């Protein structure tokens, strides 16, 4: 029943993984997410998130797992398609 991700999460500088899979009430990610320098994986599959904060462009080697349409609409271009599922994708930022 998670609904919101608090902005204070952006203060957790050692955070490596954010898994929000099927948290359908989550609609927004904090704009400061790009300050999480250690973030390696962001799983937003099955959420109601329709916008990714531009600050995540600052993160290197970030894997984003989520709706193919969402990640493409935000300008992410390098992607690998998991063979077992055509509705999600994994984006690696280099």
PDB file of N, CA and C in Angstrom:
ATOM      1  N   UNK A   1       0.803  -1.200   0.000  1.00  0.00           N
ATOM      2  CA  UNK A   1       0.000   0.000   0.000  1.00  0.00           C
ATOM      3  C   UNK A   1       0.850   1.270   0.000  1.00  0.00           C
ATOM      4  N   UNK A   2       2.104   1.140  -0.386  1.00  0.00           N
ATOM      5  CA  UNK A   2       2.984   2.289  -0.470  1.00  0.00           C
ATOM      6  C   UNK A   2       2.421   3.277  -1.484  1.00  0.00           C
ATOM      7  N   UNK A   3       2.365   4.559  -1.100  1.00  0.00           N
ATOM      8  CA  UNK A   3       1.791   5.570  -1.981  1.00  0.00           C
ATOM      9  C   UNK A   3       2.813   6.604  -2.422  1.00  0.00           C
ATOM     10  N   UNK A   4       3.724   6.971  -1.542  1.00  0.00           N
ATOM     11  CA  UNK A   4       4.678   8.033  -1.841  1.00  0.00           C
ATOM     12  C   UNK A   4       6.091   7.622  -1.452  1.00  0.00           C
ATOM     13  N   UNK A   5       7.038   8.129  -2.206  1.00  0.00           N
ATOM     14  CA  UNK A   5       8.449   7.953  -1.875  1.00  0.00           C
ATOM     15  C   UNK A   5       8.904   9.305  -1.315  1.00  0.00           C
ATOM     16  N   UNK A   6       9.298   9.357  -0.061  1.00  0.00           N
ATOM     17  CA  UNK A   6       9.666  10.647   0.533  1.00  0.00           C
ATOM     18  C   UNK A   6      10.955  11.210  -0.072  1.00  0.00           C
ATOM     19  N   UNK A   7      11.037  12.527  -0.131  1.00  0.00           N
ATOM     20  CA  UNK A   7      12.243  13.187  -0.643  1.00  0.00           C
ATOM     21  C   UNK A   7      13.467  12.821   0.183  1.00  0.00           C
ATOM     22  N   UNK A   8      13.252  12.472   1.451  1.00  0.00           N
ATOM     23  CA  UNK A   8      14.372  12.140   2.329  1.00  0.00           C
ATOM     24  C   UNK A   8      15.138  10.897   1.852  1.00  0.00           C
ATOM     25  N   UNK A   9      14.542  10.110   0.971  1.00  0.00           N
ATOM     26  CA  UNK A   9      15.259   8.941   0.445  1.00  0.00           C
ATOM     27  C   UNK A   9      16.515   9.379  -0.295  1.00  0.00           C
ATOM     28  N   UNK A  10      16.498  10.598  -0.818  1.00  0.00           N
ATOM     29  CA  UNK A  10      17.641  11.121  -1.572  1.00  0.00           C
ATOM     30  C   UNK A  10      18.842  11.419  -0.678  1.00  0.00           C
ATOM     31  N   UNK A  11      18.670  11.330   0.622  1.00  0.00           N
ATOM     32  CA  UNK A  11      19.756  11.532   1.573  1.00  0.00           C
ATOM     33  C   UNK A  11      20.482  10.225   1.896  1.00  0.00           C
ATOM     34  N   UNK A  12      19.962   9.116   1.414  1.00  0.00           N
ATOM     35  CA  UNK A  12      20.540   7.798   1.678  1.00  0.00           C
ATOM     36  C   UNK A  12      21.614   7.511   0.634  1.00  0.00           C
ATOM     37  N   UNK A  13      22.750   8.132   0.782  1.00  0.00           N
ATOM     38  CA  UNK A  13      23.807   8.129  -0.231  1.00  0.00           C
ATOM     39  C   UNK A  13      24.354   6.743  -0.570  1.00  0.00           C
ATOM     40  N   UNK A  14      24.184   5.771   0.295  1.00  0.00           N
ATOM     41  CA  UNK A  14      24.705   4.421   0.044  1.00  0.00           C
ATOM     42  C   UNK A  14      23.642   3.470  -0.511  1.00  0.00           C
ATOM     43  N   UNK A  15      22.446   3.979  -0.775  1.00  0.00           N
ATOM     44  CA  UNK A  15      21.356   3.156  -1.288  1.00  0.00           C
ATOM     45  C   UNK A  15      21.717   2.622  -2.669  1.00  0.00           C
ATOM     46  N   UNK A  16      21.623   1.298  -2.854  1.00  0.00           N
ATOM     47  CA  UNK A  16      22.010   0.670  -4.114  1.00  0.00           C
ATOM     48  C   UNK A  16      20.827   0.198  -4.943  1.00  0.00           C
ATOM     49  N   UNK A  17      19.721  -0.163  -4.299  1.00  0.00           N
ATOM     50  CA  UNK A  17      18.580  -0.733  -5.011  1.00  0.00           C
ATOM     51  C   UNK A  17      17.282  -0.107  -4.508  1.00  0.00           C
ATOM     52  N   UNK A  18      16.422   0.243  -5.455  1.00  0.00           N
ATOM     53  CA  UNK A  18      15.066   0.666  -5.124  1.00  0.00           C
ATOM     54  C   UNK A  18      14.130  -0.246  -5.902  1.00  0.00           C
ATOM     55  N   UNK A  19      13.388  -1.068  -5.184  1.00  0.00           N
ATOM     56  CA  UNK A  19      12.462  -2.012  -5.798  1.00  0.00           C
ATOM     57  C   UNK A  19      11.038  -1.616  -5.428  1.00  0.00           C
ATOM     58  N   UNK A  20      10.316  -1.116  -6.417  1.00  0.00           N
ATOM     59  CA  UNK A  20       8.936  -0.682  -6.212  1.00  0.00           C
ATOM     60  C   UNK A  20       7.967  -1.517  -7.044  1.00  0.00           C
ATOM     61  N   UNK A  21       8.424  -2.677  -7.472  1.00  0.00           N
ATOM     62  CA  UNK A  21       7.633  -3.529  -8.361  1.00  0.00           C
ATOM     63  C   UNK A  21       6.208  -3.721  -7.833  1.00  0.00           C
ATOM     64  N   UNK A  22       5.255  -3.373  -8.685  1.00  0.00           N
ATOM     65  CA  UNK A  22       3.819  -3.509  -8.441  1.00  0.00           C
ATOM     66  C   UNK A  22       3.310  -2.703  -7.252  1.00  0.00           C
ATOM     67  N   UNK A  23       4.003  -1.647  -6.904  1.00  0.00           N
ATOM     68  CA  UNK A  23       3.472  -0.669  -5.949  1.00  0.00           C
ATOM     69  C   UNK A  23       2.609   0.281  -6.784  1.00  0.00           C
ATOM     70  N   UNK A  24       1.402  -0.164  -7.102  1.00  0.00           N
ATOM     71  CA  UNK A  24       0.578   0.516  -8.095  1.00  0.00           C
ATOM     72  C   UNK A  24       0.144   1.917  -7.685  1.00  0.00           C
ATOM     73  N   UNK A  25       0.216   2.242  -6.412  1.00  0.00           N
ATOM     74  CA  UNK A  25      -0.189   3.577  -5.974  1.00  0.00           C
ATOM     75  C   UNK A  25       0.949   4.591  -6.036  1.00  0.00           C
ATOM     76  N   UNK A  26       2.160   4.141  -6.294  1.00  0.00           N
ATOM     77  CA  UNK A  26       3.292   5.068  -6.408  1.00  0.00           C
ATOM     78  C   UNK A  26       3.234   5.730  -7.781  1.00  0.00           C
ATOM     79  N   UNK A  27       3.148   7.056  -7.802  1.00  0.00           N
ATOM     80  CA  UNK A  27       3.018   7.809  -9.046  1.00  0.00           C
ATOM     81  C   UNK A  27       4.216   8.697  -9.344  1.00  0.00           C
ATOM     82  N   UNK A  28       4.967   9.082  -8.306  1.00  0.00           N
ATOM     83  CA  UNK A  28       6.023  10.078  -8.480  1.00  0.00           C
ATOM     84  C   UNK A  28       7.299   9.619  -7.769  1.00  0.00           C
ATOM     85  N   UNK A  29       8.428   9.842  -8.425  1.00  0.00           N
ATOM     86  CA  UNK A  29       9.729   9.639  -7.803  1.00  0.00           C
ATOM     87  C   UNK A  29      10.289  11.004  -7.428  1.00  0.00           C
ATOM     88  N   UNK A  30      11.051  11.094  -6.345  1.00  0.00           N
ATOM     89  CA  UNK A  30      11.642  12.382  -5.964  1.00  0.00           C
ATOM     90  C   UNK A  30      12.565  12.914  -7.061  1.00  0.00           C
ATOM     91  N   UNK A  31      12.495  14.211  -7.313  1.00  0.00           N
ATOM     92  CA  UNK A  31      13.325  14.846  -8.346  1.00  0.00           C
ATOM     93  C   UNK A  31      14.816  14.715  -8.034  1.00  0.00           C
ATOM     94  N   UNK A  32      15.173  14.609  -6.765  1.00  0.00           N
ATOM     95  CA  UNK A  32      16.583  14.542  -6.377  1.00  0.00           C
ATOM     96  C   UNK A  32      17.188  13.159  -6.433  1.00  0.00           C
ATOM     97  N   UNK A  33      16.524  12.214  -7.078  1.00  0.00           N
ATOM     98  CA  UNK A  33      17.005  10.836  -7.122  1.00  0.00           C
ATOM     99  C   UNK A  33      18.420  10.728  -7.689  1.00  0.00           C
ATOM    100  N   UNK A  34      18.809  11.649  -8.530  1.00  0.00           N
ATOM    101  CA  UNK A  34      20.136  11.634  -9.134  1.00  0.00           C
ATOM    102  C   UNK A  34      21.268  11.855  -8.149  1.00  0.00           C
ATOM    103  N   UNK A  35      20.940  12.273  -6.936  1.00  0.00           N
ATOM    104  CA  UNK A  35      21.982  12.464  -5.917  1.00  0.00           C
ATOM    105  C   UNK A  35      22.377  11.146  -5.255  1.00  0.00           C
ATOM    106  N   UNK A  36      21.673  10.060  -5.584  1.00  0.00           N
ATOM    107  CA  UNK A  36      21.999   8.742  -5.023  1.00  0.00           C
ATOM    108  C   UNK A  36      23.103   8.105  -5.853  1.00  0.00           C
ATOM    109  N   UNK A  37      24.315   8.529  -5.609  1.00  0.00           N
ATOM    110  CA  UNK A  37      25.467   8.131  -6.424  1.00  0.00           C
ATOM    111  C   UNK A  37      25.729   6.636  -6.457  1.00  0.00           C
ATOM    112  N   UNK A  38      25.284   5.904  -5.455  1.00  0.00           N
ATOM    113  CA  UNK A  38      25.525   4.450  -5.400  1.00  0.00           C
ATOM    114  C   UNK A  38      24.375   3.642  -6.000  1.00  0.00           C
ATOM    115  N   UNK A  39      23.301   4.314  -6.436  1.00  0.00           N
ATOM    116  CA  UNK A  39      22.128   3.600  -6.938  1.00  0.00           C
ATOM    117  C   UNK A  39      22.488   2.799  -8.182  1.00  0.00           C
ATOM    118  N   UNK A  40      22.232   1.499  -8.129  1.00  0.00           N
ATOM    119  CA  UNK A  40      22.545   0.592  -9.231  1.00  0.00           C
ATOM    120  C   UNK A  40      21.306   0.111  -9.962  1.00  0.00           C
ATOM    121  N   UNK A  41      20.171  -0.012  -9.239  1.00  0.00           N
ATOM    122  CA  UNK A  41      18.979  -0.583  -9.849  1.00  0.00           C
ATOM    123  C   UNK A  41      17.730   0.128  -9.356  1.00  0.00           C
ATOM    124  N   UNK A  42      16.865   0.458 -10.306  1.00  0.00           N
ATOM    125  CA  UNK A  42      15.579   1.081 -10.019  1.00  0.00           C
ATOM    126  C   UNK A  42      14.509   0.245 -10.697  1.00  0.00           C
ATOM    127  N   UNK A  43      13.707  -0.455  -9.910  1.00  0.00           N
ATOM    128  CA  UNK A  43      12.657  -1.322 -10.448  1.00  0.00           C
ATOM    129  C   UNK A  43      11.312  -0.637 -10.229  1.00  0.00           C
ATOM    130  N   UNK A  44      10.721  -0.148 -11.325  1.00  0.00           N
ATOM    131  CA  UNK A  44       9.434   0.544 -11.245  1.00  0.00           C
ATOM    132  C   UNK A  44       8.360  -0.190 -12.054  1.00  0.00           C
ATOM    133  N   UNK A  45       8.596  -1.445 -12.350  1.00  0.00           N
ATOM    134  CA  UNK A  45       7.635  -2.264 -13.088  1.00  0.00           C
ATOM    135  C   UNK A  45       6.316  -2.342 -12.320  1.00  0.00           C
ATOM    136  N   UNK A  46       5.218  -2.055 -12.998  1.00  0.00           N
ATOM    137  CA  UNK A  46       3.896  -2.184 -12.391  1.00  0.00           C
ATOM    138  C   UNK A  46       3.489  -1.031 -11.494  1.00  0.00           C
ATOM    139  N   UNK A  47       4.250   0.061 -11.490  1.00  0.00           N
ATOM    140  CA  UNK A  47       3.864   1.238 -10.710  1.00  0.00           C
ATOM    141  C   UNK A  47       3.021   2.164 -11.588  1.00  0.00           C
ATOM    142  N   UNK A  48       2.579   3.264 -11.023  1.00  0.00           N
ATOM    143  CA  UNK A  48       1.826   4.273 -11.775  1.00  0.00           C
ATOM    144  C   UNK A  48       2.710   5.457 -12.139  1.00  0.00           C
ATOM    145  N   UNK A  49       4.013   5.257 -12.100  1.00  0.00           N
ATOM    146  CA  UNK A  49       4.960   6.321 -12.416  1.00  0.00           C
ATOM    147  C   UNK A  49       4.892   6.617 -13.916  1.00  0.00           C
ATOM    148  N   UNK A  50       4.710   7.891 -14.241  1.00  0.00           N
ATOM    149  CA  UNK A  50       4.613   8.281 -15.644  1.00  0.00           C
ATOM    150  C   UNK A  50       5.736   9.233 -16.047  1.00  0.00           C
ATOM    151  N   UNK A  51       6.613   9.552 -15.126  1.00  0.00           N
ATOM    152  CA  UNK A  51       7.690  10.504 -15.383  1.00  0.00           C
ATOM    153  C   UNK A  51       8.914  10.098 -14.572  1.00  0.00           C
ATOM    154  N   UNK A  52      10.063  10.081 -15.210  1.00  0.00           N
ATOM    155  CA  UNK A  52      11.317   9.823 -14.497  1.00  0.00           C
ATOM    156  C   UNK A  52      12.034  11.151 -14.304  1.00  0.00           C
ATOM    157  N   UNK A  53      12.538  11.410 -13.103  1.00  0.00           N
ATOM    158  CA  UNK A  53      13.236  12.677 -12.869  1.00  0.00           C
ATOM    159  C   UNK A  53      14.487  12.792 -13.727  1.00  0.00           C
ATOM    160  N   UNK A  54      14.706  13.954 -14.288  1.00  0.00           N
ATOM    161  CA  UNK A  54      15.865  14.184 -15.148  1.00  0.00           C
ATOM    162  C   UNK A  54      17.180  13.981 -14.409  1.00  0.00           C
ATOM    163  N   UNK A  55      17.166  14.137 -13.092  1.00  0.00           N
ATOM    164  CA  UNK A  55      18.407  14.002 -12.320  1.00  0.00           C
ATOM    165  C   UNK A  55      19.006  12.604 -12.417  1.00  0.00           C
ATOM    166  N   UNK A  56      18.206  11.591 -12.790  1.00  0.00           N
ATOM    167  CA  UNK A  56      18.785  10.246 -12.863  1.00  0.00           C
ATOM    168  C   UNK A  56      19.746  10.112 -14.034  1.00  0.00           C
ATOM    169  N   UNK A  57      19.732  11.096 -14.939  1.00  0.00           N
ATOM    170  CA  UNK A  57      20.715  11.088 -16.020  1.00  0.00           C
ATOM    171  C   UNK A  57      22.131  11.239 -15.476  1.00  0.00           C
ATOM    172  N   UNK A  58      22.259  11.716 -14.245  1.00  0.00           N
ATOM    173  CA  UNK A  58      23.562  11.893 -13.610  1.00  0.00           C
ATOM    174  C   UNK A  58      24.150  10.577 -13.113  1.00  0.00           C
ATOM    175  N   UNK A  59      23.329   9.547 -13.022  1.00  0.00           N
ATOM    176  CA  UNK A  59      23.767   8.268 -12.452  1.00  0.00           C
ATOM    177  C   UNK A  59      24.359   7.373 -13.529  1.00  0.00           C
ATOM    178  N   UNK A  60      25.560   6.882 -13.273  1.00  0.00           N
ATOM    179  CA  UNK A  60      26.206   5.973 -14.200  1.00  0.00           C
ATOM    180  C   UNK A  60      25.879   4.533 -13.821  1.00  0.00           C
ATOM    181  N   UNK A  61      25.775   3.690 -14.823  1.00  0.00           N
ATOM    182  CA  UNK A  61      25.534   2.253 -14.624  1.00  0.00           C
ATOM    183  C   UNK A  61      24.247   1.966 -13.870  1.00  0.00           C
ATOM    184  N   UNK A  62      23.228   2.783 -14.083  1.00  0.00           N
ATOM    185  CA  UNK A  62      21.931   2.555 -13.449  1.00  0.00           C
ATOM    186  C   UNK A  62      21.088   1.645 -14.332  1.00  0.00           C
ATOM    187  N   UNK A  63      20.538   0.582 -13.745  1.00  0.00           N
ATOM    188  CA  UNK A  63      19.598  -0.285 -14.434  1.00  0.00           C
ATOM    189  C   UNK A  63      18.206   0.152 -14.026  1.00  0.00           C
ATOM    190  N   UNK A  64      17.359   0.424 -15.029  1.00  0.00           N
ATOM    191  CA  UNK A  64      15.972   0.783 -14.772  1.00  0.00           C
ATOM    192  C   UNK A  64      15.122  -0.332 -15.338  1.00  0.00           C
ATOM    193  N   UNK A  65      14.295  -0.904 -14.491  1.00  0.00           N
ATOM    194  CA  UNK A  65      13.402  -1.975 -14.915  1.00  0.00           C
ATOM    195  C   UNK A  65      11.990  -1.420 -14.842  1.00  0.00           C
ATOM    196  N   UNK A  66      11.314  -1.405 -15.986  1.00  0.00           N
ATOM    197  CA  UNK A  66       9.971  -0.853 -16.008  1.00  0.00           C
ATOM    198  C   UNK A  66       9.374  -0.872 -17.392  1.00  0.00           C
ATOM    199  N   UNK A  67       8.307  -0.157 -17.540  1.00  0.00           N
ATOM    200  CA  UNK A  67       7.577  -0.085 -18.793  1.00  0.00           C
ATOM    201  C   UNK A  67       8.471   0.415 -19.917  1.00  0.00           C
ATOM    202  N   UNK A  68       8.495  -0.329 -20.985  1.00  0.00           N
ATOM    203  CA  UNK A  68       9.304   0.035 -22.148  1.00  0.00           C
ATOM    204  C   UNK A  68       8.925   1.427 -22.657  1.00  0.00           C
ATOM    205  N   UNK A  69       7.628   1.716 -22.719  1.00  0.00           N
ATOM    206  CA  UNK A  69       7.163   3.010 -23.196  1.00  0.00           C
ATOM    207  C   UNK A  69       7.620   4.150 -22.309  1.00  0.00           C
ATOM    208  N   UNK A  70       7.591   3.942 -20.994  1.00  0.00           N
ATOM    209  CA  UNK A  70       8.002   4.989 -20.058  1.00  0.00           C
ATOM    210  C   UNK A  70       9.471   5.318 -20.212  1.00  0.00           C
ATOM    211  N   UNK A  71      10.313   4.321 -20.210  1.00  0.00           N
ATOM    212  CA  UNK A  71      11.746   4.598 -20.270  1.00  0.00           C
ATOM    213  C   UNK A  71      12.142   5.174 -21.629  1.00  0.00           C
ATOM    214  N   UNK A  72      11.486   4.761 -22.702  1.00  0.00           N
ATOM    215  CA  UNK A  72      11.776   5.333 -24.010  1.00  0.00           C
ATOM    216  C   UNK A  72      11.283   6.765 -24.105  1.00  0.00           C
ATOM    217  N   UNK A  73      10.133   7.062 -23.504  1.00  0.00           N
ATOM    218  CA  UNK A  73       9.594   8.419 -23.570  1.00  0.00           C
ATOM    219  C   UNK A  73      10.453   9.404 -22.792  1.00  0.00           C
ATOM    220  N   UNK A  74      11.276   8.913 -21.901  1.00  0.00           N
ATOM    221  CA  UNK A  74      12.151   9.780 -21.117  1.00  0.00           C
ATOM    222  C   UNK A  74      13.520   9.938 -21.762  1.00  0.00           C
ATOM    223  N   UNK A  75      13.696   9.376 -22.946  1.00  0.00           N
ATOM    224  CA  UNK A  75      14.920   9.602 -23.698  1.00  0.00           C
ATOM    225  C   UNK A  75      16.033   8.604 -23.462  1.00  0.00           C
ATOM    226  N   UNK A  76      15.752   7.476 -22.837  1.00  0.00           N
ATOM    227  CA  UNK A  76      16.779   6.465 -22.623  1.00  0.00           C
ATOM    228  C   UNK A  76      16.866   5.600 -23.864  1.00  0.00           C
ATOM    229  N   UNK A  77      18.078   5.381 -24.339  1.00  0.00           N
ATOM    230  CA  UNK A  77      18.230   4.710 -25.623  1.00  0.00           C
ATOM    231  C   UNK A  77      18.883   3.341 -25.563  1.00  0.00           C
ATOM    232  N   UNK A  78      19.805   3.091 -24.636  1.00  0.00           N
ATOM    233  CA  UNK A  78      20.472   1.793 -24.566  1.00  0.00           C
ATOM    234  C   UNK A  78      19.582   0.862 -23.764  1.00  0.00           C
ATOM    235  N   UNK A  79      19.158  -0.223 -24.376  1.00  0.00           N
ATOM    236  CA  UNK A  79      18.286  -1.129 -23.656  1.00  0.00           C
ATOM    237  C   UNK A  79      18.544  -2.568 -24.051  1.00  0.00           C
ATOM    238  N   UNK A  80      18.255  -3.436 -23.125  1.00  0.00           N
ATOM    239  CA  UNK A  80      18.293  -4.864 -23.400  1.00  0.00           C
ATOM    240  C   UNK A  80      16.938  -5.428 -23.026  1.00  0.00           C
ATOM    241  N   UNK A  81      16.383  -6.219 -23.870  1.00  0.00           N
ATOM    242  CA  UNK A  81      15.063  -6.791 -23.653  1.00  0.00           C
ATOM    243  C   UNK A  81      15.198  -8.156 -22.993  1.00  0.00           C
ATOM    244  N   UNK A  82      14.646  -8.322 -21.797  1.00  0.00           N
ATOM    245  CA  UNK A  82      14.663  -9.656 -21.207  1.00  0.00           C
ATOM    246  C   UNK A  82      13.861 -10.614 -22.078  1.00  0.00           C
ATOM    247  N   UNK A  83      14.404 -11.749 -22.434  1.00  0.00           N
ATOM    248  CA  UNK A  83      13.729 -12.642 -23.367  1.00  0.00           C
ATOM    249  C   UNK A  83      12.399 -13.179 -22.845  1.00  0.00           C
ATOM    250  N   UNK A  84      12.231 -13.261 -21.536  1.00  0.00           N
ATOM    251  CA  UNK A  84      11.022 -13.864 -21.000  1.00  0.00           C
ATOM    252  C   UNK A  84       9.859 -12.892 -20.889  1.00  0.00           C
ATOM    253  N   UNK A  85      10.075 -11.611 -21.127  1.00  0.00           N
ATOM    254  CA  UNK A  85       8.994 -10.658 -20.946  1.00  0.00           C
ATOM    255  C   UNK A  85       9.124  -9.512 -21.944  1.00  0.00           C
ATOM    256  N   UNK A  86       8.133  -9.336 -22.781  1.00  0.00           N
ATOM    257  CA  UNK A  86       8.198  -8.301 -23.800  1.00  0.00           C
ATOM    258  C   UNK A  86       7.637  -6.970 -23.333  1.00  0.00           C
ATOM    259  N   UNK A  87       7.018  -6.911 -22.156  1.00  0.00           N
ATOM    260  CA  UNK A  87       6.410  -5.655 -21.715  1.00  0.00           C
ATOM    261  C   UNK A  87       7.326  -4.852 -20.822  1.00  0.00           C
ATOM    262  N   UNK A  88       8.423  -5.395 -20.393  1.00  0.00           N
ATOM    263  CA  UNK A  88       9.356  -4.620 -19.577  1.00  0.00           C
ATOM    264  C   UNK A  88      10.701  -4.574 -20.259  1.00  0.00           C
ATOM    265  N   UNK A  89      11.510  -3.677 -19.781  1.00  0.00           N
ATOM    266  CA  UNK A  89      12.847  -3.580 -20.336  1.00  0.00           C
ATOM    267  C   UNK A  89      13.814  -3.138 -19.250  1.00  0.00           C
ATOM    268  N   UNK A  90      15.041  -3.361 -19.520  1.00  0.00           N
ATOM    269  CA  UNK A  90      16.095  -2.979 -18.583  1.00  0.00           C
ATOM    270  C   UNK A  90      16.971  -1.981 -19.302  1.00  0.00           C
ATOM    271  N   UNK A  91      17.154  -0.819 -18.716  1.00  0.00           N
ATOM    272  CA  UNK A  91      17.919   0.248 -19.325  1.00  0.00           C
ATOM    273  C   UNK A  91      19.215   0.405 -18.554  1.00  0.00           C
ATOM    274  N   UNK A  92      20.305   0.450 -19.262  1.00  0.00           N
ATOM    275  CA  UNK A  92      21.582   0.681 -18.634  1.00  0.00           C
ATOM    276  C   UNK A  92      22.099   2.020 -19.109  1.00  0.00           C
ATOM    277  N   UNK A  93      22.436   2.868 -18.173  1.00  0.00           N
ATOM    278  CA  UNK A  93      22.981   4.168 -18.519  1.00  0.00           C
ATOM    279  C   UNK A  93      24.468   4.114 -18.398  1.00  0.00           C
ATOM    280  N   UNK A  94      25.172   4.517 -19.447  1.00  0.00           N
ATOM    281  CA  UNK A  94      26.627   4.480 -19.418  1.00  0.00           C
ATOM    282  C   UNK A  94      27.183   5.872 -19.532  1.00  0.00           C
TER     283      UNK A  94
END
